[in-house]
């Protein structure tokens, strides 16, 4: 037997979520995340984290960058800016320099441009082009090469944020990724930062 519903005046009020007020001083930090560093501030296993490089209270990553990837990571104390950067719906362009195993053909590059079907569905079209070997810092530990297989560099621009997306895209077209460096997110770039270095820029929405 169902219970009668209480009168509207006696029903418990549904709590309304109150939007968090923006910080008094919004901050935006650009970090060149080194290889083998987790995109978080704590780790129970004692692995390297952002805490080893950024001693700024109250900031948190806007998006992620895999432990085995390097390059640009944005940190902010502003929730609106974090959402604008990290939410895939805004399709903020992310630019990567990718060292791959093999010599890409025009057909493989076109596959990346058209979009690649992965196990979680097709990707959006990407920008893809061959790149002369860029002048980058040495990676520690260095990339493991196979002497019998040549390597190449690509510039890949995507507007999504799936887990390990760039690595899965290059693998899907037969070009395994050896090294992955993010050099730009929207209007922000590494701008000469070395691994572990960071700088603060105006916290403006793109």
N, C-alpha and C. Protein backbone atom coordinates (compact mmCIF):
# COMPACT_ATOMS: atom_id res chain seq x y z
N UNK A 1 0.84 -1.19 0.00
CA UNK A 1 0.00 0.00 0.00
C UNK A 1 0.88 1.24 0.00
N UNK A 2 0.67 2.09 -0.94
CA UNK A 2 1.51 3.28 -1.05
C UNK A 2 1.08 4.33 -0.04
N UNK A 3 2.08 5.07 0.45
CA UNK A 3 1.80 6.12 1.40
C UNK A 3 1.35 7.38 0.67
N UNK A 4 0.39 8.13 1.25
CA UNK A 4 -0.01 9.39 0.60
C UNK A 4 1.13 10.39 0.62
N UNK A 5 1.26 11.18 -0.43
CA UNK A 5 2.30 12.19 -0.50
C UNK A 5 1.94 13.34 0.43
N UNK A 6 2.91 13.88 1.15
CA UNK A 6 2.62 15.00 2.04
C UNK A 6 2.23 16.22 1.22
N UNK A 7 1.46 17.12 1.83
CA UNK A 7 1.11 18.36 1.12
C UNK A 7 2.36 19.07 0.65
N UNK A 8 2.19 19.85 -0.44
CA UNK A 8 3.34 20.53 -1.03
C UNK A 8 4.07 21.39 -0.03
N UNK A 9 3.32 21.99 0.88
CA UNK A 9 3.96 22.89 1.85
C UNK A 9 4.83 22.14 2.84
N UNK A 10 4.58 20.81 2.99
CA UNK A 10 5.35 20.03 3.96
C UNK A 10 6.45 19.20 3.32
N UNK A 11 6.52 19.19 2.00
CA UNK A 11 7.57 18.42 1.34
C UNK A 11 8.93 19.07 1.60
N UNK A 12 9.95 18.24 1.84
CA UNK A 12 11.27 18.82 2.07
C UNK A 12 11.75 19.58 0.84
N UNK A 13 12.33 20.72 1.08
CA UNK A 13 12.82 21.54 -0.03
C UNK A 13 14.05 20.92 -0.65
N UNK A 14 14.11 20.94 -1.97
CA UNK A 14 15.29 20.45 -2.67
C UNK A 14 16.39 21.50 -2.58
N UNK A 15 17.55 21.10 -2.05
CA UNK A 15 18.61 22.11 -1.91
C UNK A 15 19.10 22.59 -3.27
N UNK A 16 19.31 23.85 -3.40
CA UNK A 16 19.82 24.43 -4.65
C UNK A 16 21.33 24.56 -4.57
N UNK A 17 21.97 24.16 -5.64
CA UNK A 17 23.43 24.32 -5.68
C UNK A 17 23.77 25.79 -5.89
N UNK A 18 24.64 26.27 -5.05
CA UNK A 18 25.05 27.66 -5.15
C UNK A 18 26.38 27.71 -5.90
N UNK A 19 26.40 28.49 -6.95
CA UNK A 19 27.63 28.60 -7.73
C UNK A 19 28.74 29.18 -6.87
N UNK A 20 29.89 28.55 -6.96
CA UNK A 20 31.03 29.02 -6.18
C UNK A 20 31.51 30.35 -6.71
N UNK A 21 31.71 31.27 -5.82
CA UNK A 21 32.16 32.60 -6.23
C UNK A 21 33.57 32.51 -6.79
N UNK A 22 33.87 33.27 -7.82
CA UNK A 22 35.23 33.26 -8.37
C UNK A 22 36.22 33.79 -7.34
N UNK A 23 37.46 33.35 -7.39
CA UNK A 23 38.45 33.81 -6.43
C UNK A 23 38.69 35.31 -6.57
N UNK A 24 39.09 35.93 -5.46
CA UNK A 24 39.36 37.36 -5.49
C UNK A 24 40.50 37.69 -6.45
N UNK A 25 41.46 36.77 -6.52
CA UNK A 25 42.59 36.95 -7.43
C UNK A 25 42.76 35.69 -8.27
N UNK A 26 42.06 35.59 -9.41
CA UNK A 26 42.23 34.43 -10.27
C UNK A 26 43.68 34.28 -10.72
N UNK A 27 44.15 33.04 -10.73
CA UNK A 27 45.53 32.79 -11.12
C UNK A 27 45.57 31.73 -12.21
N UNK A 28 46.51 31.87 -13.11
CA UNK A 28 46.73 30.88 -14.17
C UNK A 28 48.22 30.65 -14.31
N UNK A 29 48.60 29.40 -14.17
CA UNK A 29 50.01 29.02 -14.20
C UNK A 29 50.27 28.08 -15.36
N UNK A 30 51.34 28.33 -16.09
CA UNK A 30 51.79 27.48 -17.18
C UNK A 30 52.99 26.68 -16.68
N UNK A 31 52.89 25.37 -16.73
CA UNK A 31 53.96 24.49 -16.27
C UNK A 31 54.41 23.59 -17.41
N UNK A 32 55.72 23.42 -17.53
CA UNK A 32 56.25 22.39 -18.43
C UNK A 32 56.41 21.13 -17.59
N UNK A 33 55.42 20.25 -17.68
CA UNK A 33 55.44 19.03 -16.87
C UNK A 33 56.49 18.06 -17.39
N UNK A 34 57.41 17.65 -16.55
CA UNK A 34 58.42 16.69 -17.01
C UNK A 34 57.83 15.29 -17.21
N UNK A 35 58.57 14.48 -17.92
CA UNK A 35 58.25 13.06 -18.09
C UNK A 35 58.23 12.38 -16.71
N UNK A 36 57.34 11.41 -16.54
CA UNK A 36 57.26 10.58 -15.34
C UNK A 36 56.77 11.34 -14.11
N UNK A 37 55.99 12.40 -14.33
CA UNK A 37 55.39 13.16 -13.24
C UNK A 37 53.87 13.04 -13.34
N UNK A 38 53.22 12.73 -12.22
CA UNK A 38 51.77 12.60 -12.19
C UNK A 38 51.10 13.97 -12.19
N UNK A 39 49.95 14.06 -12.87
CA UNK A 39 49.20 15.32 -12.92
C UNK A 39 48.28 15.42 -11.70
N UNK A 40 48.89 15.42 -10.52
CA UNK A 40 48.17 15.56 -9.26
C UNK A 40 49.19 16.00 -8.22
N UNK A 41 48.69 16.41 -7.05
CA UNK A 41 49.58 16.97 -6.05
C UNK A 41 50.00 15.98 -4.96
N UNK A 42 49.36 14.83 -4.89
CA UNK A 42 49.72 13.84 -3.88
C UNK A 42 49.71 12.45 -4.50
N UNK A 43 50.58 11.59 -3.95
CA UNK A 43 50.61 10.20 -4.41
C UNK A 43 51.08 9.32 -3.26
N UNK A 44 50.25 8.35 -2.89
CA UNK A 44 50.57 7.49 -1.75
C UNK A 44 51.76 6.59 -2.04
N UNK A 45 52.10 6.42 -3.32
CA UNK A 45 53.22 5.54 -3.66
C UNK A 45 54.54 6.29 -3.75
N UNK A 46 54.51 7.58 -3.46
CA UNK A 46 55.76 8.33 -3.44
C UNK A 46 56.31 8.72 -4.80
N UNK A 47 55.47 8.66 -5.82
CA UNK A 47 55.94 9.05 -7.16
C UNK A 47 55.95 10.57 -7.30
N UNK A 48 56.68 11.06 -8.29
CA UNK A 48 56.78 12.51 -8.50
C UNK A 48 55.43 13.09 -8.87
N UNK A 49 55.08 14.23 -8.29
CA UNK A 49 53.81 14.90 -8.55
C UNK A 49 54.05 16.38 -8.80
N UNK A 50 52.98 17.09 -9.04
CA UNK A 50 53.08 18.53 -9.28
C UNK A 50 53.61 19.27 -8.06
N UNK A 51 53.41 18.69 -6.88
CA UNK A 51 53.88 19.32 -5.65
C UNK A 51 55.39 19.50 -5.65
N UNK A 52 56.10 18.67 -6.41
CA UNK A 52 57.55 18.77 -6.48
C UNK A 52 58.02 19.97 -7.30
N UNK A 53 57.09 20.62 -8.01
CA UNK A 53 57.48 21.71 -8.91
C UNK A 53 56.73 23.01 -8.67
N UNK A 54 55.48 22.92 -8.27
CA UNK A 54 54.63 24.11 -8.12
C UNK A 54 54.24 24.28 -6.66
N UNK A 55 54.80 25.27 -6.01
CA UNK A 55 54.48 25.54 -4.60
C UNK A 55 53.56 26.76 -4.52
N UNK A 56 52.41 26.63 -5.14
CA UNK A 56 51.42 27.70 -5.15
C UNK A 56 50.14 27.15 -4.53
N UNK A 57 49.69 27.68 -3.42
CA UNK A 57 48.48 27.13 -2.78
C UNK A 57 47.22 27.43 -3.56
N UNK A 58 46.31 26.46 -3.54
CA UNK A 58 44.97 26.70 -4.07
C UNK A 58 44.79 26.51 -5.56
N UNK A 59 45.83 26.11 -6.30
CA UNK A 59 45.67 25.88 -7.74
C UNK A 59 45.55 24.39 -8.00
N UNK A 60 44.90 24.05 -9.13
CA UNK A 60 44.73 22.65 -9.49
C UNK A 60 44.75 22.55 -11.01
N UNK A 61 45.04 21.37 -11.55
CA UNK A 61 45.19 21.24 -13.00
C UNK A 61 43.90 21.49 -13.76
N UNK A 62 44.01 22.16 -14.88
CA UNK A 62 42.90 22.34 -15.81
C UNK A 62 43.11 21.34 -16.94
N UNK A 63 42.58 20.14 -16.75
CA UNK A 63 42.86 19.06 -17.69
C UNK A 63 43.98 18.18 -17.18
N UNK A 64 44.34 17.20 -17.98
CA UNK A 64 45.35 16.23 -17.56
C UNK A 64 46.42 16.09 -18.62
N UNK A 65 47.52 15.48 -18.20
CA UNK A 65 48.59 15.11 -19.13
C UNK A 65 49.19 13.83 -18.55
N UNK A 66 49.22 12.78 -19.37
CA UNK A 66 49.64 11.47 -18.88
C UNK A 66 51.03 11.52 -18.24
N UNK A 67 51.24 10.60 -17.33
CA UNK A 67 52.53 10.52 -16.64
C UNK A 67 53.69 10.37 -17.63
N UNK A 68 53.48 9.63 -18.71
CA UNK A 68 54.56 9.40 -19.67
C UNK A 68 54.56 10.42 -20.81
N UNK A 69 53.81 11.50 -20.66
CA UNK A 69 53.83 12.60 -21.63
C UNK A 69 54.46 13.82 -20.98
N UNK A 70 54.91 14.74 -21.81
CA UNK A 70 55.61 15.93 -21.32
C UNK A 70 54.92 17.18 -21.86
N UNK A 71 55.31 18.33 -21.28
CA UNK A 71 54.90 19.57 -21.88
C UNK A 71 53.89 20.37 -21.09
N UNK A 72 53.12 21.17 -21.82
CA UNK A 72 52.29 22.21 -21.22
C UNK A 72 51.13 21.66 -20.39
N UNK A 73 51.06 22.14 -19.16
CA UNK A 73 49.95 21.86 -18.27
C UNK A 73 49.53 23.18 -17.64
N UNK A 74 48.23 23.44 -17.62
CA UNK A 74 47.71 24.67 -17.04
C UNK A 74 47.13 24.37 -15.66
N UNK A 75 47.39 25.28 -14.72
CA UNK A 75 46.85 25.17 -13.37
C UNK A 75 46.18 26.49 -13.02
N UNK A 76 45.06 26.41 -12.29
CA UNK A 76 44.33 27.62 -11.94
C UNK A 76 43.60 27.43 -10.62
N UNK A 77 43.21 28.54 -10.02
CA UNK A 77 42.36 28.50 -8.82
C UNK A 77 40.94 28.94 -9.15
N UNK A 78 40.65 29.11 -10.44
CA UNK A 78 39.36 29.63 -10.90
C UNK A 78 38.57 28.49 -11.56
N UNK A 79 37.45 28.10 -10.93
CA UNK A 79 36.66 26.99 -11.46
C UNK A 79 36.11 27.24 -12.84
N UNK A 80 35.70 28.48 -13.13
CA UNK A 80 35.16 28.78 -14.46
C UNK A 80 36.23 28.63 -15.53
N UNK A 81 37.42 29.11 -15.23
CA UNK A 81 38.52 29.00 -16.19
C UNK A 81 38.92 27.53 -16.36
N UNK A 82 38.94 26.79 -15.26
CA UNK A 82 39.27 25.38 -15.34
C UNK A 82 38.30 24.64 -16.25
N UNK A 83 37.00 24.94 -16.11
CA UNK A 83 35.99 24.29 -16.94
C UNK A 83 36.13 24.70 -18.41
N UNK A 84 36.44 25.96 -18.63
CA UNK A 84 36.59 26.45 -20.01
C UNK A 84 37.75 25.77 -20.71
N UNK A 85 38.81 25.49 -19.97
CA UNK A 85 39.99 24.86 -20.55
C UNK A 85 39.79 23.35 -20.72
N UNK A 86 39.23 22.71 -19.69
CA UNK A 86 39.22 21.26 -19.65
C UNK A 86 38.00 20.62 -20.32
N UNK A 87 36.89 21.33 -20.38
CA UNK A 87 35.66 20.72 -20.90
C UNK A 87 35.75 20.53 -22.41
N UNK A 88 35.65 19.27 -22.90
CA UNK A 88 35.77 19.02 -24.34
C UNK A 88 34.71 19.74 -25.17
N UNK A 89 33.60 20.14 -24.54
CA UNK A 89 32.55 20.81 -25.31
C UNK A 89 33.04 22.14 -25.89
N UNK A 90 34.05 22.72 -25.27
CA UNK A 90 34.56 24.00 -25.76
C UNK A 90 35.56 23.81 -26.91
N UNK A 91 36.00 22.55 -27.09
CA UNK A 91 36.86 22.19 -28.23
C UNK A 91 38.08 23.12 -28.35
N UNK A 92 38.72 23.36 -27.22
CA UNK A 92 39.93 24.16 -27.20
C UNK A 92 41.06 23.35 -27.84
N UNK A 93 41.71 23.91 -28.83
CA UNK A 93 42.74 23.18 -29.57
C UNK A 93 43.93 22.87 -28.67
N UNK A 94 44.43 21.63 -28.78
CA UNK A 94 45.62 21.21 -28.05
C UNK A 94 46.63 20.72 -29.09
N UNK A 95 47.84 21.29 -29.05
CA UNK A 95 48.86 20.99 -30.06
C UNK A 95 49.94 20.12 -29.45
N UNK A 96 50.25 19.03 -30.15
CA UNK A 96 51.25 18.06 -29.68
C UNK A 96 52.33 17.87 -30.73
N UNK A 97 53.56 17.70 -30.26
CA UNK A 97 54.63 17.22 -31.11
C UNK A 97 54.86 15.77 -30.74
N UNK A 98 54.77 14.90 -31.73
CA UNK A 98 54.74 13.46 -31.49
C UNK A 98 55.85 12.77 -32.27
N UNK A 99 56.71 12.10 -31.55
CA UNK A 99 57.71 11.27 -32.21
C UNK A 99 57.14 9.87 -32.37
N UNK A 100 57.09 9.41 -33.60
CA UNK A 100 56.48 8.11 -33.89
C UNK A 100 57.50 7.18 -34.52
N UNK A 101 57.19 5.92 -34.42
CA UNK A 101 58.01 4.89 -35.03
C UNK A 101 57.55 4.70 -36.47
N UNK A 102 58.48 4.83 -37.41
CA UNK A 102 58.13 4.67 -38.81
C UNK A 102 58.16 6.00 -39.56
N UNK A 103 57.89 5.94 -40.85
CA UNK A 103 57.85 7.12 -41.70
C UNK A 103 56.43 7.29 -42.23
N UNK A 104 55.71 8.28 -41.74
CA UNK A 104 54.29 8.42 -42.10
C UNK A 104 54.10 8.66 -43.60
N UNK A 105 53.11 7.98 -44.15
CA UNK A 105 52.72 8.22 -45.53
C UNK A 105 51.65 9.30 -45.56
N UNK A 106 51.40 9.85 -46.73
CA UNK A 106 50.34 10.85 -46.85
C UNK A 106 48.99 10.23 -46.51
N UNK A 107 48.82 8.96 -46.84
CA UNK A 107 47.55 8.27 -46.52
C UNK A 107 47.35 8.18 -45.01
N UNK A 108 48.41 7.90 -44.25
CA UNK A 108 48.30 7.83 -42.80
C UNK A 108 47.98 9.20 -42.20
N UNK A 109 48.63 10.24 -42.72
CA UNK A 109 48.34 11.59 -42.25
C UNK A 109 46.89 11.97 -42.54
N UNK A 110 46.40 11.56 -43.71
CA UNK A 110 45.02 11.87 -44.07
C UNK A 110 44.03 11.14 -43.17
N UNK A 111 44.39 9.92 -42.77
CA UNK A 111 43.53 9.20 -41.82
C UNK A 111 43.38 10.00 -40.52
N UNK A 112 44.48 10.55 -40.03
CA UNK A 112 44.42 11.35 -38.81
C UNK A 112 43.58 12.61 -39.02
N UNK A 113 43.72 13.21 -40.20
CA UNK A 113 42.96 14.43 -40.50
C UNK A 113 41.46 14.14 -40.60
N UNK A 114 41.13 12.98 -41.12
CA UNK A 114 39.72 12.64 -41.32
C UNK A 114 39.04 12.19 -40.03
N UNK A 115 39.83 11.72 -39.08
CA UNK A 115 39.29 11.13 -37.86
C UNK A 115 39.52 9.63 -37.86
N UNK A 116 39.88 9.09 -36.71
CA UNK A 116 40.23 7.69 -36.57
C UNK A 116 39.19 7.00 -35.69
N UNK A 117 38.80 5.80 -36.06
CA UNK A 117 37.85 5.05 -35.23
C UNK A 117 38.61 4.29 -34.15
N UNK A 118 38.32 4.64 -32.89
CA UNK A 118 38.94 3.98 -31.74
C UNK A 118 37.90 3.11 -31.05
N UNK A 119 38.31 2.40 -30.00
CA UNK A 119 37.35 1.50 -29.34
C UNK A 119 36.23 2.25 -28.63
N UNK A 120 36.40 3.57 -28.41
CA UNK A 120 35.33 4.35 -27.81
C UNK A 120 34.69 5.30 -28.83
N UNK A 121 34.81 4.95 -30.12
CA UNK A 121 34.14 5.72 -31.15
C UNK A 121 35.10 6.52 -32.00
N UNK A 122 34.61 7.12 -33.08
CA UNK A 122 35.47 7.89 -33.98
C UNK A 122 35.90 9.21 -33.35
N UNK A 123 37.12 9.62 -33.66
CA UNK A 123 37.61 10.90 -33.19
C UNK A 123 37.15 12.01 -34.13
N UNK A 124 37.20 13.22 -33.65
CA UNK A 124 36.96 14.36 -34.52
C UNK A 124 38.14 14.51 -35.48
N UNK A 125 37.95 15.14 -36.62
CA UNK A 125 39.08 15.41 -37.51
C UNK A 125 40.17 16.18 -36.77
N UNK A 126 41.41 15.86 -37.09
CA UNK A 126 42.56 16.51 -36.46
C UNK A 126 43.39 17.22 -37.52
N UNK A 127 44.24 18.08 -37.09
CA UNK A 127 45.25 18.66 -37.98
C UNK A 127 46.52 17.83 -37.81
N UNK A 128 47.10 17.40 -38.90
CA UNK A 128 48.29 16.54 -38.83
C UNK A 128 49.26 16.91 -39.95
N UNK A 129 50.51 17.08 -39.59
CA UNK A 129 51.54 17.35 -40.60
C UNK A 129 52.88 16.83 -40.12
N UNK A 130 53.75 16.54 -41.09
CA UNK A 130 55.11 16.14 -40.75
C UNK A 130 55.86 17.33 -40.18
N UNK A 131 56.79 17.05 -39.28
CA UNK A 131 57.52 18.10 -38.58
C UNK A 131 59.00 17.76 -38.62
N UNK A 132 59.83 18.76 -38.94
CA UNK A 132 61.27 18.55 -38.78
C UNK A 132 61.55 18.30 -37.30
N UNK A 133 62.58 17.53 -37.01
CA UNK A 133 62.87 17.22 -35.60
C UNK A 133 63.02 18.50 -34.79
N UNK A 134 62.17 18.71 -33.78
CA UNK A 134 62.22 19.96 -33.03
C UNK A 134 63.39 19.99 -32.06
N UNK A 135 63.79 21.20 -31.70
CA UNK A 135 64.85 21.38 -30.71
C UNK A 135 64.22 21.31 -29.32
N UNK A 136 64.29 20.14 -28.72
CA UNK A 136 63.70 19.92 -27.41
C UNK A 136 64.77 19.54 -26.39
N UNK A 137 64.42 19.64 -25.13
CA UNK A 137 65.27 19.18 -24.05
C UNK A 137 65.43 17.67 -24.14
N UNK A 138 66.50 17.15 -23.53
CA UNK A 138 66.68 15.70 -23.46
C UNK A 138 65.66 15.11 -22.49
N UNK A 139 65.13 13.97 -22.84
CA UNK A 139 64.20 13.30 -21.94
C UNK A 139 64.95 12.36 -21.03
N UNK A 140 64.54 12.29 -19.78
CA UNK A 140 65.15 11.38 -18.81
C UNK A 140 64.07 10.49 -18.20
N UNK A 141 64.17 9.16 -18.43
CA UNK A 141 65.16 8.48 -19.24
C UNK A 141 64.90 8.70 -20.73
N UNK A 142 65.92 8.48 -21.56
CA UNK A 142 65.74 8.70 -22.99
C UNK A 142 64.79 7.70 -23.62
N UNK A 143 64.29 8.07 -24.78
CA UNK A 143 63.38 7.19 -25.53
C UNK A 143 64.15 5.96 -26.01
N UNK A 144 63.51 4.81 -25.96
CA UNK A 144 64.13 3.58 -26.46
C UNK A 144 63.82 3.45 -27.94
N UNK A 145 64.86 3.35 -28.74
CA UNK A 145 64.70 3.24 -30.19
C UNK A 145 65.04 1.82 -30.63
N UNK A 146 64.47 1.46 -31.78
CA UNK A 146 64.90 0.24 -32.45
C UNK A 146 65.78 0.67 -33.63
N UNK A 147 67.01 0.27 -33.61
CA UNK A 147 67.96 0.75 -34.62
C UNK A 147 67.52 0.45 -36.04
N UNK A 148 66.74 -0.61 -36.21
CA UNK A 148 66.33 -1.01 -37.56
C UNK A 148 65.09 -0.26 -38.05
N UNK A 149 64.48 0.56 -37.18
CA UNK A 149 63.24 1.24 -37.55
C UNK A 149 63.45 2.76 -37.45
N UNK A 150 63.19 3.50 -38.52
CA UNK A 150 63.33 4.96 -38.46
C UNK A 150 62.22 5.59 -37.61
N UNK A 151 62.45 6.82 -37.18
CA UNK A 151 61.42 7.55 -36.45
C UNK A 151 61.16 8.87 -37.15
N UNK A 152 60.00 9.45 -36.86
CA UNK A 152 59.59 10.72 -37.47
C UNK A 152 58.87 11.55 -36.43
N UNK A 153 58.72 12.85 -36.73
CA UNK A 153 57.98 13.75 -35.86
C UNK A 153 56.75 14.28 -36.59
N UNK A 154 55.64 14.34 -35.85
CA UNK A 154 54.40 14.91 -36.36
C UNK A 154 53.96 16.05 -35.46
N UNK A 155 53.24 16.99 -36.04
CA UNK A 155 52.49 17.96 -35.25
C UNK A 155 51.03 17.56 -35.38
N UNK A 156 50.38 17.35 -34.24
CA UNK A 156 48.99 16.90 -34.23
C UNK A 156 48.17 17.86 -33.36
N UNK A 157 47.08 18.36 -33.92
CA UNK A 157 46.21 19.28 -33.19
C UNK A 157 44.85 18.63 -33.05
N UNK A 158 44.40 18.44 -31.81
CA UNK A 158 43.10 17.82 -31.56
C UNK A 158 42.25 18.76 -30.71
N UNK A 159 40.96 18.50 -30.69
CA UNK A 159 40.02 19.33 -29.92
C UNK A 159 39.14 18.47 -29.02
N UNK A 160 39.71 17.37 -28.58
CA UNK A 160 39.03 16.48 -27.64
C UNK A 160 39.97 16.20 -26.48
N UNK A 161 39.50 15.42 -25.52
CA UNK A 161 40.35 15.12 -24.38
C UNK A 161 40.18 13.70 -23.88
N UNK A 162 40.11 12.74 -24.80
CA UNK A 162 39.96 11.35 -24.37
C UNK A 162 41.24 10.83 -23.74
N UNK A 163 41.08 9.76 -22.97
CA UNK A 163 42.23 9.15 -22.32
C UNK A 163 43.22 8.62 -23.35
N UNK A 164 44.47 9.11 -23.25
CA UNK A 164 45.58 8.67 -24.11
C UNK A 164 45.21 8.75 -25.59
N UNK A 165 44.50 9.77 -25.95
CA UNK A 165 43.93 9.85 -27.30
C UNK A 165 44.99 9.91 -28.39
N UNK A 166 45.99 10.77 -28.23
CA UNK A 166 46.98 10.92 -29.29
C UNK A 166 47.72 9.60 -29.52
N UNK A 167 48.11 8.94 -28.46
CA UNK A 167 48.82 7.66 -28.60
C UNK A 167 47.93 6.63 -29.30
N UNK A 168 46.66 6.61 -28.96
CA UNK A 168 45.76 5.64 -29.59
C UNK A 168 45.50 5.98 -31.05
N UNK A 169 45.46 7.27 -31.37
CA UNK A 169 45.26 7.66 -32.76
C UNK A 169 46.43 7.26 -33.64
N UNK A 170 47.64 7.55 -33.19
CA UNK A 170 48.81 7.21 -34.01
C UNK A 170 48.95 5.69 -34.13
N UNK A 171 48.67 4.97 -33.05
CA UNK A 171 48.75 3.51 -33.12
C UNK A 171 47.73 2.95 -34.10
N UNK A 172 46.55 3.57 -34.15
CA UNK A 172 45.49 3.07 -35.03
C UNK A 172 45.85 3.18 -36.50
N UNK A 173 46.74 4.12 -36.84
CA UNK A 173 47.14 4.25 -38.25
C UNK A 173 48.51 3.64 -38.49
N UNK A 174 49.02 2.88 -37.52
CA UNK A 174 50.27 2.16 -37.71
C UNK A 174 51.53 2.94 -37.39
N UNK A 175 51.40 3.95 -36.51
CA UNK A 175 52.55 4.79 -36.15
C UNK A 175 52.64 4.89 -34.63
N UNK A 176 53.22 3.90 -33.96
CA UNK A 176 53.29 3.93 -32.50
C UNK A 176 54.04 5.16 -31.99
N UNK A 177 53.51 5.77 -30.94
CA UNK A 177 54.13 6.95 -30.35
C UNK A 177 55.29 6.55 -29.45
N UNK A 178 56.42 7.22 -29.63
CA UNK A 178 57.59 7.02 -28.78
C UNK A 178 57.74 8.14 -27.75
N UNK A 179 57.43 9.36 -28.18
CA UNK A 179 57.55 10.51 -27.29
C UNK A 179 56.42 11.48 -27.61
N UNK A 180 55.83 12.06 -26.56
CA UNK A 180 54.68 12.94 -26.75
C UNK A 180 54.88 14.20 -25.91
N UNK A 181 54.87 15.36 -26.60
CA UNK A 181 55.10 16.64 -25.93
C UNK A 181 53.97 17.59 -26.32
N UNK A 182 53.23 18.08 -25.33
CA UNK A 182 52.19 19.08 -25.62
C UNK A 182 52.83 20.47 -25.58
N UNK A 183 52.66 21.19 -26.66
CA UNK A 183 53.33 22.49 -26.78
C UNK A 183 52.36 23.67 -26.70
N UNK A 184 51.05 23.43 -26.84
CA UNK A 184 50.10 24.54 -26.78
C UNK A 184 48.72 24.03 -26.38
N UNK A 185 47.99 24.89 -25.65
CA UNK A 185 46.58 24.69 -25.33
C UNK A 185 45.90 26.01 -25.65
N UNK A 186 45.07 26.01 -26.69
CA UNK A 186 44.45 27.27 -27.09
C UNK A 186 45.51 28.33 -27.35
N UNK A 187 45.42 29.50 -26.71
CA UNK A 187 46.38 30.58 -26.96
C UNK A 187 47.65 30.46 -26.14
N UNK A 188 47.72 29.46 -25.22
CA UNK A 188 48.87 29.36 -24.33
C UNK A 188 49.89 28.37 -24.86
N UNK A 189 51.18 28.72 -24.75
CA UNK A 189 52.25 27.86 -25.25
C UNK A 189 53.32 27.69 -24.18
N UNK A 190 54.26 26.77 -24.44
CA UNK A 190 55.37 26.55 -23.52
C UNK A 190 56.26 27.79 -23.39
N UNK A 191 56.40 28.51 -24.49
CA UNK A 191 57.10 29.81 -24.45
C UNK A 191 58.46 29.74 -23.77
N UNK A 192 59.25 28.73 -24.12
CA UNK A 192 60.63 28.64 -23.62
C UNK A 192 60.80 28.00 -22.27
N UNK A 193 59.71 27.57 -21.63
CA UNK A 193 59.83 26.92 -20.32
C UNK A 193 60.56 25.59 -20.45
N UNK A 194 61.49 25.34 -19.56
CA UNK A 194 62.18 24.06 -19.50
C UNK A 194 61.42 23.11 -18.56
N UNK A 195 61.69 21.80 -18.63
CA UNK A 195 60.96 20.87 -17.78
C UNK A 195 61.04 21.25 -16.30
N UNK A 196 59.87 21.31 -15.67
CA UNK A 196 59.80 21.68 -14.26
C UNK A 196 59.65 23.16 -14.02
N UNK A 197 59.85 23.99 -15.03
CA UNK A 197 59.69 25.44 -14.87
C UNK A 197 58.24 25.84 -15.09
N UNK A 198 57.84 26.94 -14.43
CA UNK A 198 56.50 27.46 -14.62
C UNK A 198 56.53 28.97 -14.59
N UNK A 199 55.48 29.56 -15.13
CA UNK A 199 55.33 31.01 -15.08
C UNK A 199 53.84 31.31 -14.90
N UNK A 200 53.54 32.51 -14.44
CA UNK A 200 52.16 32.94 -14.25
C UNK A 200 51.79 33.93 -15.31
N UNK A 201 50.60 33.79 -15.87
CA UNK A 201 50.11 34.67 -16.91
C UNK A 201 48.73 35.20 -16.49
N UNK A 202 48.21 36.25 -17.15
CA UNK A 202 46.88 36.74 -16.80
C UNK A 202 45.82 35.65 -16.94
N UNK A 203 44.96 35.56 -15.94
CA UNK A 203 43.92 34.52 -15.91
C UNK A 203 42.70 35.01 -16.68
N UNK A 204 42.80 34.98 -18.00
CA UNK A 204 41.74 35.46 -18.87
C UNK A 204 41.13 34.30 -19.63
N UNK A 205 39.81 34.31 -19.74
CA UNK A 205 39.13 33.26 -20.52
C UNK A 205 39.44 33.44 -22.00
N UNK A 206 39.77 32.35 -22.70
CA UNK A 206 40.04 32.47 -24.14
C UNK A 206 38.75 32.67 -24.92
